Amino acid sequence: EVLTGVTVPAPAAGQKSHYLKFKERESRDFALVGAAVVLDMEGHTVRKASLVLSGVAPAPYRAVEAEKVLSGRELTGGLLEQAAEAALKDAAALEENEYKIQLAKTILKRAVLRTAGVEV
């Protein structure tokens, strides 16, 4: 079998998305941590959030608990902190990569802000 195409649906009205990654070098380096975010916004309120982290587990990790924290609430700095904590509350670092937990929290918060249209 050969994959010949992929169809990605257009975002619904009010939906915005963003992908943010952190890598050590600028060119040709894979991401240490990445965050894909889709927000359905109404003003400053997140109607629904979809959050996926990469580089923090053997496969992309859907941050369902963080989605629950954000959904239905006004986006604030404190709410972002709660969501980042919820996304990684069960994270268990491997030897010598403890830094990735804090890095993932930061990347997730920045990706949510950029998706919502707030530059960081």
C-alpha atoms as a PDB file:
ATOM      1  CA  GLU A   1       0.000   0.000   0.000  1.00  0.00           C
ATOM      2  CA  VAL A   2       1.084   3.535  -0.743  1.00  0.00           C
ATOM      3  CA  LEU A   3      -0.290   6.608   0.970  1.00  0.00           C
ATOM      4  CA  THR A   4      -1.150   9.093  -1.749  1.00  0.00           C
ATOM      5  CA  GLY A   5      -2.820  11.852   0.223  1.00  0.00           C
ATOM      6  CA  VAL A   6      -4.149  13.167   3.493  1.00  0.00           C
ATOM      7  CA  THR A   7      -7.242  15.318   3.933  1.00  0.00           C
ATOM      8  CA  VAL A   8      -7.304  17.649   6.909  1.00  0.00           C
ATOM      9  CA  PRO A   9     -10.649  19.310   7.610  1.00  0.00           C
ATOM     10  CA  ALA A  10     -10.758  23.093   7.821  1.00  0.00           C
ATOM     11  CA  PRO A  11     -11.114  24.476  11.334  1.00  0.00           C
ATOM     12  CA  ALA A  12     -14.628  25.280  12.478  1.00  0.00           C
ATOM     13  CA  ALA A  13     -15.652  28.895  13.020  1.00  0.00           C
ATOM     14  CA  GLY A  14     -13.990  30.201  16.185  1.00  0.00           C
ATOM     15  CA  GLN A  15     -11.372  27.444  16.182  1.00  0.00           C
ATOM     16  CA  LYS A  16      -7.671  28.258  16.145  1.00  0.00           C
ATOM     17  CA  SER A  17      -4.650  25.976  16.202  1.00  0.00           C
ATOM     18  CA  HIS A  18      -0.916  26.233  16.725  1.00  0.00           C
ATOM     19  CA  TYR A  19       2.078  23.903  17.028  1.00  0.00           C
ATOM     20  CA  LEU A  20       5.117  24.950  19.014  1.00  0.00           C
ATOM     21  CA  LYS A  21       8.311  22.981  19.519  1.00  0.00           C
ATOM     22  CA  PHE A  22      11.569  23.401  21.359  1.00  0.00           C
ATOM     23  CA  LYS A  23      14.805  22.116  19.870  1.00  0.00           C
ATOM     24  CA  GLU A  24      18.419  22.634  20.833  1.00  0.00           C
ATOM     25  CA  ARG A  25      19.639  23.850  17.446  1.00  0.00           C
ATOM     26  CA  GLU A  26      17.795  25.847  14.820  1.00  0.00           C
ATOM     27  CA  SER A  27      18.457  23.715  11.765  1.00  0.00           C
ATOM     28  CA  ARG A  28      17.703  20.044  11.198  1.00  0.00           C
ATOM     29  CA  ASP A  29      17.167  19.065  14.787  1.00  0.00           C
ATOM     30  CA  PHE A  30      14.218  17.135  16.154  1.00  0.00           C
ATOM     31  CA  ALA A  31      12.050  18.667  18.842  1.00  0.00           C
ATOM     32  CA  LEU A  32      12.835  17.849  22.460  1.00  0.00           C
ATOM     33  CA  VAL A  33       9.270  18.830  23.345  1.00  0.00           C
ATOM     34  CA  GLY A  34       6.327  19.934  21.223  1.00  0.00           C
ATOM     35  CA  ALA A  35       2.750  21.029  21.850  1.00  0.00           C
ATOM     36  CA  ALA A  36      -0.143  20.977  19.390  1.00  0.00           C
ATOM     37  CA  VAL A  37      -3.118  23.055  20.503  1.00  0.00           C
ATOM     38  CA  VAL A  38      -6.611  23.557  19.104  1.00  0.00           C
ATOM     39  CA  LEU A  39      -8.855  26.037  20.892  1.00  0.00           C
ATOM     40  CA  ASP A  40     -12.486  26.843  20.268  1.00  0.00           C
ATOM     41  CA  MET A  41     -12.698  30.362  21.697  1.00  0.00           C
ATOM     42  CA  GLU A  42     -15.505  32.771  22.483  1.00  0.00           C
ATOM     43  CA  GLY A  43     -13.853  36.035  23.423  1.00  0.00           C
ATOM     44  CA  HIS A  44     -11.404  35.192  26.208  1.00  0.00           C
ATOM     45  CA  THR A  45     -13.249  32.002  27.151  1.00  0.00           C
ATOM     46  CA  VAL A  46     -12.076  28.601  25.973  1.00  0.00           C
ATOM     47  CA  ARG A  47     -15.173  26.699  24.877  1.00  0.00           C
ATOM     48  CA  LYS A  48     -13.184  23.567  24.099  1.00  0.00           C
ATOM     49  CA  ALA A  49      -9.481  22.680  24.094  1.00  0.00           C
ATOM     50  CA  SER A  50      -7.522  19.872  22.456  1.00  0.00           C
ATOM     51  CA  LEU A  51      -3.910  19.505  23.606  1.00  0.00           C
ATOM     52  CA  VAL A  52      -1.255  17.028  22.494  1.00  0.00           C
ATOM     53  CA  LEU A  53       2.361  16.890  23.699  1.00  0.00           C
ATOM     54  CA  SER A  54       5.214  15.285  21.791  1.00  0.00           C
ATOM     55  CA  GLY A  55       8.630  14.280  23.042  1.00  0.00           C
ATOM     56  CA  VAL A  56       7.380  13.476  26.545  1.00  0.00           C
ATOM     57  CA  ALA A  57       6.222   9.892  26.030  1.00  0.00           C
ATOM     58  CA  PRO A  58       6.899   7.034  23.595  1.00  0.00           C
ATOM     59  CA  ALA A  59       4.015   8.330  21.440  1.00  0.00           C
ATOM     60  CA  PRO A  60       2.208  11.689  21.217  1.00  0.00           C
ATOM     61  CA  TYR A  61       0.406  12.282  24.513  1.00  0.00           C
ATOM     62  CA  ARG A  62      -3.083  13.756  24.670  1.00  0.00           C
ATOM     63  CA  ALA A  63      -3.332  15.975  27.753  1.00  0.00           C
ATOM     64  CA  VAL A  64      -6.973  15.230  28.566  1.00  0.00           C
ATOM     65  CA  GLU A  65      -6.815  16.499  32.149  1.00  0.00           C
ATOM     66  CA  ALA A  66      -5.415  19.832  30.962  1.00  0.00           C
ATOM     67  CA  GLU A  67      -8.173  20.048  28.347  1.00  0.00           C
ATOM     68  CA  LYS A  68     -10.727  19.691  31.141  1.00  0.00           C
ATOM     69  CA  VAL A  69      -9.052  22.471  33.147  1.00  0.00           C
ATOM     70  CA  LEU A  70      -9.210  24.917  30.224  1.00  0.00           C
ATOM     71  CA  SER A  71     -12.588  24.059  28.706  1.00  0.00           C
ATOM     72  CA  GLY A  72     -15.433  26.387  29.625  1.00  0.00           C
ATOM     73  CA  ARG A  73     -13.244  28.887  31.457  1.00  0.00           C
ATOM     74  CA  GLU A  74     -11.726  32.307  30.838  1.00  0.00           C
ATOM     75  CA  LEU A  75      -8.072  32.100  29.848  1.00  0.00           C
ATOM     76  CA  THR A  76      -5.851  33.578  32.579  1.00  0.00           C
ATOM     77  CA  GLY A  77      -2.265  33.074  33.721  1.00  0.00           C
ATOM     78  CA  GLY A  78      -3.439  31.123  36.742  1.00  0.00           C
ATOM     79  CA  LEU A  79      -5.602  28.869  34.604  1.00  0.00           C
ATOM     80  CA  LEU A  80      -2.633  28.185  32.310  1.00  0.00           C
ATOM     81  CA  GLU A  81      -0.556  27.138  35.321  1.00  0.00           C
ATOM     82  CA  GLN A  82      -3.321  24.756  36.435  1.00  0.00           C
ATOM     83  CA  ALA A  83      -3.576  23.271  32.941  1.00  0.00           C
ATOM     84  CA  ALA A  84       0.198  22.753  32.644  1.00  0.00           C
ATOM     85  CA  GLU A  85       0.291  21.052  36.048  1.00  0.00           C
ATOM     86  CA  ALA A  86      -2.655  18.833  35.096  1.00  0.00           C
ATOM     87  CA  ALA A  87      -1.032  17.879  31.783  1.00  0.00           C
ATOM     88  CA  LEU A  88       2.111  16.584  33.476  1.00  0.00           C
ATOM     89  CA  LYS A  89       0.915  15.586  36.957  1.00  0.00           C
ATOM     90  CA  ASP A  90       1.652  11.899  36.337  1.00  0.00           C
ATOM     91  CA  ALA A  91       4.909  12.469  34.435  1.00  0.00           C
ATOM     92  CA  ALA A  92       7.803  10.322  35.573  1.00  0.00           C
ATOM     93  CA  ALA A  93      11.154  11.539  34.318  1.00  0.00           C
ATOM     94  CA  LEU A  94      13.739   9.113  33.087  1.00  0.00           C
ATOM     95  CA  GLU A  95      17.314   9.332  34.281  1.00  0.00           C
ATOM     96  CA  GLU A  96      18.894  12.643  33.244  1.00  0.00           C
ATOM     97  CA  ASN A  97      15.806  14.171  31.570  1.00  0.00           C
ATOM     98  CA  GLU A  98      13.964  15.744  34.495  1.00  0.00           C
ATOM     99  CA  TYR A  99      14.268  19.102  32.731  1.00  0.00           C
ATOM    100  CA  LYS A 100      11.752  17.961  30.093  1.00  0.00           C
ATOM    101  CA  ILE A 101       8.841  18.146  32.535  1.00  0.00           C
ATOM    102  CA  GLN A 102       9.296  21.882  33.176  1.00  0.00           C
ATOM    103  CA  LEU A 103      10.120  22.450  29.506  1.00  0.00           C
ATOM    104  CA  ALA A 104       6.883  20.715  28.458  1.00  0.00           C
ATOM    105  CA  LYS A 105       4.857  22.884  30.857  1.00  0.00           C
ATOM    106  CA  THR A 106       6.410  26.044  29.436  1.00  0.00           C
ATOM    107  CA  ILE A 107       5.937  25.001  25.795  1.00  0.00           C
ATOM    108  CA  LEU A 108       2.310  24.024  26.471  1.00  0.00           C
ATOM    109  CA  LYS A 109       1.532  27.385  28.119  1.00  0.00           C
ATOM    110  CA  ARG A 110       3.188  29.327  25.283  1.00  0.00           C
ATOM    111  CA  ALA A 111       1.386  27.274  22.628  1.00  0.00           C
ATOM    112  CA  VAL A 112      -1.990  27.921  24.292  1.00  0.00           C
ATOM    113  CA  LEU A 113      -1.267  31.654  24.495  1.00  0.00           C
ATOM    114  CA  ARG A 114      -0.200  31.822  20.849  1.00  0.00           C
ATOM    115  CA  THR A 115      -3.262  29.864  19.789  1.00  0.00           C
ATOM    116  CA  ALA A 116      -5.436  32.336  21.680  1.00  0.00           C
ATOM    117  CA  GLY A 117      -3.655  35.205  19.907  1.00  0.00           C
ATOM    118  CA  VAL A 118      -1.478  36.370  22.796  1.00  0.00           C
ATOM    119  CA  GLU A 119       2.176  36.749  21.764  1.00  0.00           C
ATOM    120  CA  VAL A 120       4.819  35.623  24.248  1.00  0.00           C
END
